[in-house]
């Protein structure tokens, strides 16, 4: 990864995307938050945590993995169609 290119905020940057925003990020984050909410067992209990008897150890891994997978899929879709 080119650190200088990551810091480039101009329109010619390879990371400019659409108006300086990568539109795949927000839906991927939303998917990860949803996955985490289904696995949480703190104040509220999600259905996955309830089905596993109150296990809360899946909250962080589920959110990270779902977010990463959704982002990768959305970025592949953009590269194929765009």
Protein backbone atom coordinates (compact mmCIF):
# COMPACT_ATOMS: atom_id res chain seq x y z
CA UNK A 1 0.00 0.00 0.00
CA UNK A 2 1.29 3.45 -0.88
CA UNK A 3 1.11 5.65 2.23
CA UNK A 4 1.47 8.85 0.22
CA UNK A 5 -1.44 7.90 -2.01
CA UNK A 6 -3.60 7.24 1.06
CA UNK A 7 -2.94 10.79 2.26
CA UNK A 8 -3.72 12.32 -1.15
CA UNK A 9 -7.08 14.12 -0.84
CA UNK A 10 -7.18 15.44 -4.40
CA UNK A 11 -9.62 14.36 -7.09
CA UNK A 12 -6.82 12.50 -8.87
CA UNK A 13 -6.22 10.18 -5.91
CA UNK A 14 -6.84 6.46 -6.56
CA UNK A 15 -8.94 6.47 -3.37
CA UNK A 16 -11.21 9.39 -4.33
CA UNK A 17 -14.17 7.17 -5.39
CA UNK A 18 -17.38 9.28 -5.61
CA UNK A 19 -16.85 12.80 -4.33
CA UNK A 20 -14.22 11.56 -1.90
CA UNK A 21 -16.55 8.96 -0.38
CA UNK A 22 -16.46 5.20 -0.88
CA UNK A 23 -20.14 4.28 -0.92
CA UNK A 24 -19.44 0.65 -0.05
CA UNK A 25 -18.34 1.55 3.48
CA UNK A 26 -21.66 2.59 5.02
CA UNK A 27 -23.68 -0.48 3.96
CA UNK A 28 -20.82 -2.76 5.05
CA UNK A 29 -20.69 -1.06 8.44
CA UNK A 30 -24.46 -1.34 8.77
CA UNK A 31 -24.32 -5.06 8.03
CA UNK A 32 -21.63 -5.52 10.68
CA UNK A 33 -23.61 -3.57 13.27
CA UNK A 34 -26.69 -5.69 12.51
CA UNK A 35 -24.71 -8.91 12.87
CA UNK A 36 -23.27 -7.71 16.18
CA UNK A 37 -26.72 -6.71 17.45
CA UNK A 38 -28.02 -10.22 16.74
CA UNK A 39 -25.22 -11.73 18.85
CA UNK A 40 -25.12 -9.29 21.77
CA UNK A 41 -26.04 -10.30 25.32
CA UNK A 42 -25.73 -7.26 27.59
CA UNK A 43 -28.72 -5.00 28.27
CA UNK A 44 -30.65 -6.61 25.41
CA UNK A 45 -30.24 -10.15 24.17
CA UNK A 46 -30.06 -10.84 20.46
CA UNK A 47 -31.63 -13.96 18.96
CA UNK A 48 -28.28 -15.64 18.24
CA UNK A 49 -27.07 -15.06 21.80
CA UNK A 50 -30.39 -16.32 23.17
CA UNK A 51 -30.22 -19.46 21.02
CA UNK A 52 -26.71 -20.15 22.32
CA UNK A 53 -27.70 -19.76 25.96
CA UNK A 54 -26.48 -16.19 26.49
CA UNK A 55 -23.08 -16.48 24.84
CA UNK A 56 -21.75 -12.98 24.13
CA UNK A 57 -18.40 -14.00 22.66
CA UNK A 58 -19.62 -13.82 19.06
CA UNK A 59 -20.49 -10.10 19.04
CA UNK A 60 -17.11 -8.72 18.00
CA UNK A 61 -16.06 -11.49 15.58
CA UNK A 62 -19.47 -11.52 13.89
CA UNK A 63 -19.44 -7.76 13.36
CA UNK A 64 -15.89 -7.73 12.03
CA UNK A 65 -16.33 -10.69 9.70
CA UNK A 66 -19.68 -9.60 8.31
CA UNK A 67 -18.43 -6.03 7.75
CA UNK A 68 -15.28 -7.24 6.01
CA UNK A 69 -17.16 -9.72 3.82
CA UNK A 70 -19.84 -7.17 2.87
CA UNK A 71 -17.20 -4.56 2.03
CA UNK A 72 -15.24 -7.01 -0.10
CA UNK A 73 -18.36 -8.12 -1.97
CA UNK A 74 -19.51 -4.55 -2.57
CA UNK A 75 -16.07 -3.50 -3.79
CA UNK A 76 -15.89 -6.48 -6.17
CA UNK A 77 -19.32 -5.60 -7.52
CA UNK A 78 -18.22 -2.02 -8.15
CA UNK A 79 -15.05 -3.11 -9.95
CA UNK A 80 -16.95 -5.59 -12.13
CA UNK A 81 -19.83 -3.25 -13.04
CA UNK A 82 -17.93 0.05 -12.91
